[in-house]
Amino acid sequence: MSINSIRNGLGDNLAAITGLRVSPYIPDDIAPPVAVVGSATITYDTAFRNGLHTYEFPVTVIVGRTSERNAQNRLDAYADPDGAASVKAAIEADRSLGGSAQTLQVTRTNGNQIVQVGETVYAAVEFTVVVYA
């Protein structure tokens, strides 16, 4: 199981959300709405000798901020635990990431925030995805 295959598996799962662009790598430019899979924090040797590692991936969903209400509503839909736009539901639909992981869980969001990419201000929410592989 490689970090690259886990990252791509997360991207594949997120691609099930209609209208959401997905970048399994940190892009130079963005075109919202977009989900960006960030770099993992890794805890090695969680079980047995080299038998299980725990990866925490940040997944940030960024939306345009043409109006505060619209941006908030879109982020709320992505943060909902269920529904067609749910990031949690999409990621957890295939917990093995096509065979790249033993299991995974979306554990939390950090709440909505304002982010700046280049000179443009966007609204975003970051999810933490814990992957066991």
N, C-alpha and C. Protein backbone atom coordinates (compact mmCIF):
# COMPACT_ATOMS: atom_id res chain seq x y z
N MET A 1 0.83 -1.17 0.00
CA MET A 1 0.00 0.00 0.00
C MET A 1 0.89 1.25 0.00
N SER A 2 0.79 2.03 -1.02
CA SER A 2 1.60 3.24 -1.10
C SER A 2 0.75 4.47 -0.77
N ILE A 3 1.43 5.49 -0.32
CA ILE A 3 0.74 6.76 -0.04
C ILE A 3 0.05 7.25 -1.32
N ASN A 4 0.71 7.11 -2.44
CA ASN A 4 0.16 7.55 -3.71
C ASN A 4 -1.15 6.83 -4.04
N SER A 5 -1.19 5.51 -3.82
CA SER A 5 -2.41 4.76 -4.13
C SER A 5 -3.55 5.13 -3.18
N ILE A 6 -3.22 5.42 -1.92
CA ILE A 6 -4.24 5.86 -0.96
C ILE A 6 -4.78 7.23 -1.38
N ARG A 7 -3.89 8.15 -1.71
CA ARG A 7 -4.28 9.49 -2.14
C ARG A 7 -5.18 9.42 -3.37
N ASN A 8 -4.80 8.61 -4.34
CA ASN A 8 -5.61 8.48 -5.56
C ASN A 8 -6.95 7.81 -5.27
N GLY A 9 -6.97 6.84 -4.33
CA GLY A 9 -8.22 6.22 -3.93
C GLY A 9 -9.18 7.21 -3.29
N LEU A 10 -8.65 8.09 -2.45
CA LEU A 10 -9.49 9.14 -1.86
C LEU A 10 -10.05 10.04 -2.95
N GLY A 11 -9.21 10.39 -3.92
CA GLY A 11 -9.67 11.21 -5.04
C GLY A 11 -10.76 10.53 -5.85
N ASP A 12 -10.59 9.23 -6.09
CA ASP A 12 -11.60 8.46 -6.84
C ASP A 12 -12.93 8.45 -6.09
N ASN A 13 -12.90 8.25 -4.77
CA ASN A 13 -14.13 8.25 -3.99
C ASN A 13 -14.82 9.61 -4.03
N LEU A 14 -14.04 10.67 -3.92
CA LEU A 14 -14.60 12.02 -3.94
C LEU A 14 -15.21 12.38 -5.29
N ALA A 15 -14.70 11.77 -6.35
CA ALA A 15 -15.21 12.06 -7.69
C ALA A 15 -16.66 11.66 -7.87
N ALA A 16 -17.22 10.90 -6.93
CA ALA A 16 -18.63 10.51 -6.99
C ALA A 16 -19.56 11.68 -6.69
N ILE A 17 -19.04 12.76 -6.14
CA ILE A 17 -19.87 13.93 -5.83
C ILE A 17 -20.02 14.78 -7.09
N THR A 18 -21.23 14.85 -7.60
CA THR A 18 -21.51 15.58 -8.84
C THR A 18 -21.14 17.05 -8.69
N GLY A 19 -20.39 17.54 -9.67
CA GLY A 19 -20.03 18.95 -9.72
C GLY A 19 -18.81 19.34 -8.90
N LEU A 20 -18.26 18.41 -8.13
CA LEU A 20 -17.08 18.70 -7.32
C LEU A 20 -15.83 18.26 -8.07
N ARG A 21 -14.95 19.20 -8.35
CA ARG A 21 -13.67 18.85 -8.95
C ARG A 21 -12.81 18.23 -7.85
N VAL A 22 -11.88 17.38 -8.23
CA VAL A 22 -11.04 16.71 -7.24
C VAL A 22 -9.59 16.82 -7.67
N SER A 23 -8.74 17.17 -6.71
CA SER A 23 -7.31 17.18 -6.96
C SER A 23 -6.64 16.33 -5.89
N PRO A 24 -6.13 15.15 -6.28
CA PRO A 24 -5.46 14.31 -5.29
C PRO A 24 -4.08 14.87 -4.89
N TYR A 25 -3.69 15.97 -5.50
CA TYR A 25 -2.43 16.63 -5.18
C TYR A 25 -2.70 18.11 -4.96
N ILE A 26 -1.86 18.78 -4.22
CA ILE A 26 -2.04 20.21 -3.95
C ILE A 26 -1.77 20.97 -5.25
N PRO A 27 -2.81 21.63 -5.80
CA PRO A 27 -2.67 22.29 -7.10
C PRO A 27 -2.07 23.69 -6.97
N ASP A 28 -1.52 24.17 -8.08
CA ASP A 28 -1.02 25.54 -8.12
C ASP A 28 -2.17 26.53 -8.21
N ASP A 29 -3.19 26.18 -8.97
CA ASP A 29 -4.38 27.01 -9.14
C ASP A 29 -5.60 26.15 -8.88
N ILE A 30 -6.70 26.80 -8.49
CA ILE A 30 -7.93 26.04 -8.24
C ILE A 30 -9.08 26.63 -9.04
N ALA A 31 -10.07 25.80 -9.28
CA ALA A 31 -11.33 26.20 -9.90
C ALA A 31 -12.45 25.60 -9.05
N PRO A 32 -12.97 26.36 -8.08
CA PRO A 32 -13.97 25.81 -7.17
C PRO A 32 -15.29 25.50 -7.86
N PRO A 33 -16.07 24.60 -7.29
CA PRO A 33 -15.77 23.86 -6.06
C PRO A 33 -14.76 22.75 -6.32
N VAL A 34 -13.83 22.61 -5.39
CA VAL A 34 -12.77 21.62 -5.55
C VAL A 34 -12.44 20.99 -4.20
N ALA A 35 -12.15 19.70 -4.21
CA ALA A 35 -11.66 18.99 -3.03
C ALA A 35 -10.18 18.69 -3.27
N VAL A 36 -9.36 19.08 -2.31
CA VAL A 36 -7.91 18.89 -2.42
C VAL A 36 -7.46 17.92 -1.34
N VAL A 37 -6.81 16.83 -1.75
CA VAL A 37 -6.27 15.86 -0.80
C VAL A 37 -4.86 16.32 -0.45
N GLY A 38 -4.65 16.65 0.83
CA GLY A 38 -3.35 17.16 1.28
C GLY A 38 -2.38 16.05 1.63
N SER A 39 -1.26 16.45 2.19
CA SER A 39 -0.21 15.50 2.59
C SER A 39 -0.58 14.81 3.89
N ALA A 40 -0.24 13.54 4.00
CA ALA A 40 -0.62 12.72 5.16
C ALA A 40 0.36 12.91 6.31
N THR A 41 -0.20 12.81 7.51
CA THR A 41 0.57 12.60 8.72
C THR A 41 0.53 11.10 8.95
N ILE A 42 1.69 10.49 9.20
CA ILE A 42 1.76 9.04 9.28
C ILE A 42 2.26 8.60 10.65
N THR A 43 1.57 7.64 11.23
CA THR A 43 2.04 6.96 12.44
C THR A 43 2.41 5.55 12.00
N TYR A 44 3.69 5.25 12.08
CA TYR A 44 4.18 3.95 11.62
C TYR A 44 3.98 2.88 12.69
N ASP A 45 3.89 1.65 12.24
CA ASP A 45 3.87 0.48 13.11
C ASP A 45 2.78 0.56 14.18
N THR A 46 1.57 0.90 13.76
CA THR A 46 0.44 0.98 14.68
C THR A 46 0.13 -0.39 15.27
N ALA A 47 0.30 -1.43 14.48
CA ALA A 47 0.08 -2.80 14.96
C ALA A 47 1.13 -3.69 14.34
N PHE A 48 1.63 -4.59 15.14
CA PHE A 48 2.62 -5.56 14.68
C PHE A 48 3.84 -4.84 14.13
N ARG A 49 4.79 -5.57 13.73
CA ARG A 49 6.01 -4.96 13.20
C ARG A 49 5.82 -4.66 11.73
N ASN A 50 5.62 -3.41 11.44
CA ASN A 50 5.42 -2.92 10.07
C ASN A 50 4.14 -3.48 9.44
N GLY A 51 3.21 -3.97 10.28
CA GLY A 51 2.00 -4.60 9.76
C GLY A 51 0.86 -3.64 9.52
N LEU A 52 0.88 -2.48 10.17
CA LEU A 52 -0.21 -1.52 10.00
C LEU A 52 0.32 -0.12 10.29
N HIS A 53 0.00 0.79 9.40
CA HIS A 53 0.35 2.19 9.58
C HIS A 53 -0.95 2.99 9.55
N THR A 54 -0.97 4.11 10.26
CA THR A 54 -2.14 4.99 10.30
C THR A 54 -1.78 6.30 9.60
N TYR A 55 -2.61 6.66 8.63
CA TYR A 55 -2.41 7.87 7.84
C TYR A 55 -3.56 8.83 8.13
N GLU A 56 -3.24 10.09 8.38
CA GLU A 56 -4.28 11.12 8.51
C GLU A 56 -4.12 12.09 7.35
N PHE A 57 -5.12 12.08 6.48
CA PHE A 57 -5.12 12.97 5.32
C PHE A 57 -6.08 14.12 5.54
N PRO A 58 -5.63 15.36 5.34
CA PRO A 58 -6.58 16.47 5.30
C PRO A 58 -7.19 16.53 3.90
N VAL A 59 -8.49 16.67 3.84
CA VAL A 59 -9.18 16.88 2.57
C VAL A 59 -9.91 18.21 2.71
N THR A 60 -9.52 19.18 1.91
CA THR A 60 -10.09 20.51 1.98
C THR A 60 -11.02 20.74 0.80
N VAL A 61 -12.25 21.12 1.10
CA VAL A 61 -13.21 21.47 0.06
C VAL A 61 -13.30 22.99 0.03
N ILE A 62 -13.07 23.54 -1.16
CA ILE A 62 -13.04 24.99 -1.35
C ILE A 62 -14.15 25.39 -2.30
N VAL A 63 -14.92 26.41 -1.92
CA VAL A 63 -16.01 26.91 -2.76
C VAL A 63 -15.83 28.41 -2.98
N GLY A 64 -16.45 28.89 -4.06
CA GLY A 64 -16.43 30.33 -4.34
C GLY A 64 -17.22 31.08 -3.28
N ARG A 65 -16.91 32.34 -3.15
CA ARG A 65 -17.53 33.16 -2.12
C ARG A 65 -18.28 34.33 -2.74
N THR A 66 -19.08 34.03 -3.76
CA THR A 66 -19.84 35.11 -4.41
C THR A 66 -20.87 35.70 -3.46
N SER A 67 -21.42 34.87 -2.57
CA SER A 67 -22.26 35.38 -1.48
C SER A 67 -21.99 34.51 -0.26
N GLU A 68 -22.02 35.13 0.90
CA GLU A 68 -21.74 34.40 2.14
C GLU A 68 -22.74 33.27 2.35
N ARG A 69 -24.01 33.55 2.12
CA ARG A 69 -25.06 32.56 2.34
C ARG A 69 -24.88 31.36 1.42
N ASN A 70 -24.64 31.61 0.14
CA ASN A 70 -24.46 30.52 -0.82
C ASN A 70 -23.24 29.67 -0.46
N ALA A 71 -22.14 30.31 -0.12
CA ALA A 71 -20.93 29.57 0.26
C ALA A 71 -21.19 28.71 1.50
N GLN A 72 -21.86 29.28 2.49
CA GLN A 72 -22.16 28.54 3.72
C GLN A 72 -23.06 27.35 3.43
N ASN A 73 -24.08 27.54 2.61
CA ASN A 73 -24.99 26.45 2.27
C ASN A 73 -24.26 25.31 1.54
N ARG A 74 -23.36 25.67 0.64
CA ARG A 74 -22.60 24.65 -0.09
C ARG A 74 -21.67 23.88 0.85
N LEU A 75 -20.99 24.60 1.74
CA LEU A 75 -20.10 23.92 2.69
C LEU A 75 -20.89 23.04 3.65
N ASP A 76 -22.07 23.50 4.06
CA ASP A 76 -22.91 22.68 4.93
C ASP A 76 -23.30 21.37 4.24
N ALA A 77 -23.62 21.44 2.95
CA ALA A 77 -23.99 20.22 2.21
C ALA A 77 -22.81 19.25 2.13
N TYR A 78 -21.60 19.78 1.92
CA TYR A 78 -20.42 18.91 1.88
C TYR A 78 -20.12 18.31 3.25
N ALA A 79 -20.42 19.05 4.33
CA ALA A 79 -20.13 18.59 5.69
C ALA A 79 -21.20 17.66 6.25
N ASP A 80 -22.38 17.64 5.65
CA ASP A 80 -23.44 16.75 6.14
C ASP A 80 -22.94 15.30 6.14
N PRO A 81 -23.33 14.50 7.14
CA PRO A 81 -22.87 13.11 7.17
C PRO A 81 -23.51 12.24 6.10
N ASP A 82 -24.63 12.67 5.55
CA ASP A 82 -25.33 11.91 4.51
C ASP A 82 -25.73 12.85 3.38
N GLY A 83 -26.09 12.27 2.26
CA GLY A 83 -26.60 13.06 1.14
C GLY A 83 -25.68 13.00 -0.06
N ALA A 84 -26.21 13.49 -1.17
CA ALA A 84 -25.50 13.41 -2.44
C ALA A 84 -24.20 14.20 -2.45
N ALA A 85 -24.11 15.28 -1.67
CA ALA A 85 -22.90 16.10 -1.64
C ALA A 85 -22.00 15.79 -0.45
N SER A 86 -22.37 14.82 0.36
CA SER A 86 -21.62 14.52 1.58
C SER A 86 -20.22 13.97 1.28
N VAL A 87 -19.21 14.68 1.75
CA VAL A 87 -17.83 14.23 1.61
C VAL A 87 -17.62 12.95 2.41
N LYS A 88 -18.15 12.91 3.63
CA LYS A 88 -18.02 11.71 4.47
C LYS A 88 -18.62 10.49 3.77
N ALA A 89 -19.83 10.62 3.26
CA ALA A 89 -20.48 9.49 2.59
C ALA A 89 -19.71 9.05 1.36
N ALA A 90 -19.21 9.99 0.58
CA ALA A 90 -18.48 9.64 -0.64
C ALA A 90 -17.17 8.92 -0.32
N ILE A 91 -16.42 9.45 0.64
CA ILE A 91 -15.14 8.83 0.98
C ILE A 91 -15.34 7.46 1.59
N GLU A 92 -16.34 7.31 2.45
CA GLU A 92 -16.56 6.04 3.14
C GLU A 92 -17.33 5.02 2.30
N ALA A 93 -17.72 5.37 1.09
CA ALA A 93 -18.43 4.43 0.22
C ALA A 93 -17.57 3.22 -0.13
N ASP A 94 -16.26 3.41 -0.25
CA ASP A 94 -15.33 2.30 -0.47
C ASP A 94 -14.20 2.47 0.53
N ARG A 95 -14.37 1.86 1.69
CA ARG A 95 -13.40 2.02 2.77
C ARG A 95 -12.05 1.36 2.50
N SER A 96 -11.99 0.51 1.47
CA SER A 96 -10.71 -0.12 1.13
C SER A 96 -9.96 0.67 0.06
N LEU A 97 -10.58 1.71 -0.46
CA LEU A 97 -9.96 2.52 -1.52
C LEU A 97 -9.47 1.66 -2.67
N GLY A 98 -10.32 0.76 -3.10
CA GLY A 98 -9.96 -0.13 -4.20
C GLY A 98 -8.88 -1.12 -3.85
N GLY A 99 -8.75 -1.44 -2.57
CA GLY A 99 -7.75 -2.40 -2.14
C GLY A 99 -6.48 -1.77 -1.60
N SER A 100 -6.42 -0.46 -1.52
CA SER A 100 -5.21 0.23 -1.04
C SER A 100 -5.16 0.38 0.47
N ALA A 101 -6.28 0.11 1.16
CA ALA A 101 -6.34 0.29 2.60
C ALA A 101 -7.11 -0.85 3.24
N GLN A 102 -6.88 -1.04 4.53
CA GLN A 102 -7.69 -2.01 5.27
C GLN A 102 -9.05 -1.40 5.60
N THR A 103 -9.04 -0.16 6.05
CA THR A 103 -10.27 0.57 6.31
C THR A 103 -9.94 2.04 6.48
N LEU A 104 -10.98 2.85 6.58
CA LEU A 104 -10.79 4.29 6.79
C LEU A 104 -12.02 4.87 7.46
N GLN A 105 -11.88 6.10 7.95
CA GLN A 105 -13.01 6.80 8.55
C GLN A 105 -12.77 8.30 8.43
N VAL A 106 -13.81 9.02 8.07
CA VAL A 106 -13.78 10.48 8.13
C VAL A 106 -14.14 10.82 9.56
N THR A 107 -13.21 11.44 10.30
CA THR A 107 -13.40 11.62 11.73
C THR A 107 -13.92 12.98 12.15
N ARG A 108 -13.61 14.05 11.38
CA ARG A 108 -14.04 15.38 11.82
C ARG A 108 -13.84 16.42 10.72
N THR A 109 -14.43 17.57 10.95
CA THR A 109 -14.12 18.76 10.16
C THR A 109 -13.56 19.79 11.13
N ASN A 110 -12.89 20.78 10.59
CA ASN A 110 -12.36 21.83 11.46
C ASN A 110 -13.26 23.06 11.46
N GLY A 111 -14.43 22.95 10.88
CA GLY A 111 -15.31 24.11 10.78
C GLY A 111 -14.98 24.91 9.54
N ASN A 112 -15.89 25.75 9.17
CA ASN A 112 -15.70 26.55 7.96
C ASN A 112 -14.68 27.65 8.20
N GLN A 113 -13.97 27.99 7.15
CA GLN A 113 -12.94 29.01 7.25
C GLN A 113 -12.84 29.78 5.95
N ILE A 114 -12.16 30.87 6.00
CA ILE A 114 -11.87 31.68 4.81
C ILE A 114 -10.43 31.40 4.44
N VAL A 115 -10.18 31.09 3.16
CA VAL A 115 -8.82 30.83 2.68
C VAL A 115 -8.54 31.74 1.48
N GLN A 116 -7.29 32.01 1.29
CA GLN A 116 -6.89 32.82 0.15
C GLN A 116 -5.94 32.01 -0.71
N VAL A 117 -6.26 31.94 -2.00
CA VAL A 117 -5.40 31.27 -2.97
C VAL A 117 -5.04 32.33 -4.00
N GLY A 118 -3.77 32.64 -4.08
CA GLY A 118 -3.38 33.77 -4.93
C GLY A 118 -3.96 35.04 -4.33
N GLU A 119 -4.72 35.77 -5.13
CA GLU A 119 -5.34 36.99 -4.64
C GLU A 119 -6.84 36.84 -4.43
N THR A 120 -7.34 35.62 -4.53
CA THR A 120 -8.78 35.37 -4.41
C THR A 120 -9.11 34.74 -3.07
N VAL A 121 -10.20 35.21 -2.47
CA VAL A 121 -10.66 34.70 -1.18
C VAL A 121 -11.79 33.70 -1.42
N TYR A 122 -11.70 32.55 -0.75
CA TYR A 122 -12.68 31.49 -0.89
C TYR A 122 -13.17 31.06 0.50
N ALA A 123 -14.23 30.27 0.52
CA ALA A 123 -14.68 29.61 1.75
C ALA A 123 -14.28 28.15 1.65
N ALA A 124 -13.97 27.55 2.80
CA ALA A 124 -13.48 26.16 2.78
C ALA A 124 -13.85 25.45 4.07
N VAL A 125 -13.82 24.14 3.99
CA VAL A 125 -13.94 23.28 5.16
C VAL A 125 -12.93 22.15 4.98
N GLU A 126 -12.24 21.80 6.06
CA GLU A 126 -11.25 20.74 6.00
C GLU A 126 -11.75 19.52 6.78
N PHE A 127 -11.62 18.35 6.17
CA PHE A 127 -12.00 17.09 6.77
C PHE A 127 -10.73 16.32 7.14
N THR A 128 -10.80 15.54 8.19
CA THR A 128 -9.70 14.64 8.53
C THR A 128 -10.14 13.23 8.20
N VAL A 129 -9.33 12.55 7.40
CA VAL A 129 -9.61 11.18 7.00
C VAL A 129 -8.50 10.29 7.58
N VAL A 130 -8.88 9.34 8.43
CA VAL A 130 -7.92 8.42 9.01
C VAL A 130 -7.98 7.12 8.24
N VAL A 131 -6.83 6.72 7.69
CA VAL A 131 -6.73 5.52 6.85
C VAL A 131 -5.79 4.53 7.54
N TYR A 132 -6.23 3.28 7.62
CA TYR A 132 -5.41 2.21 8.18
C TYR A 132 -4.97 1.31 7.04
N ALA A 133 -3.66 1.23 6.85
CA ALA A 133 -3.14 0.42 5.73
C ALA A 133 -1.83 -0.23 6.12
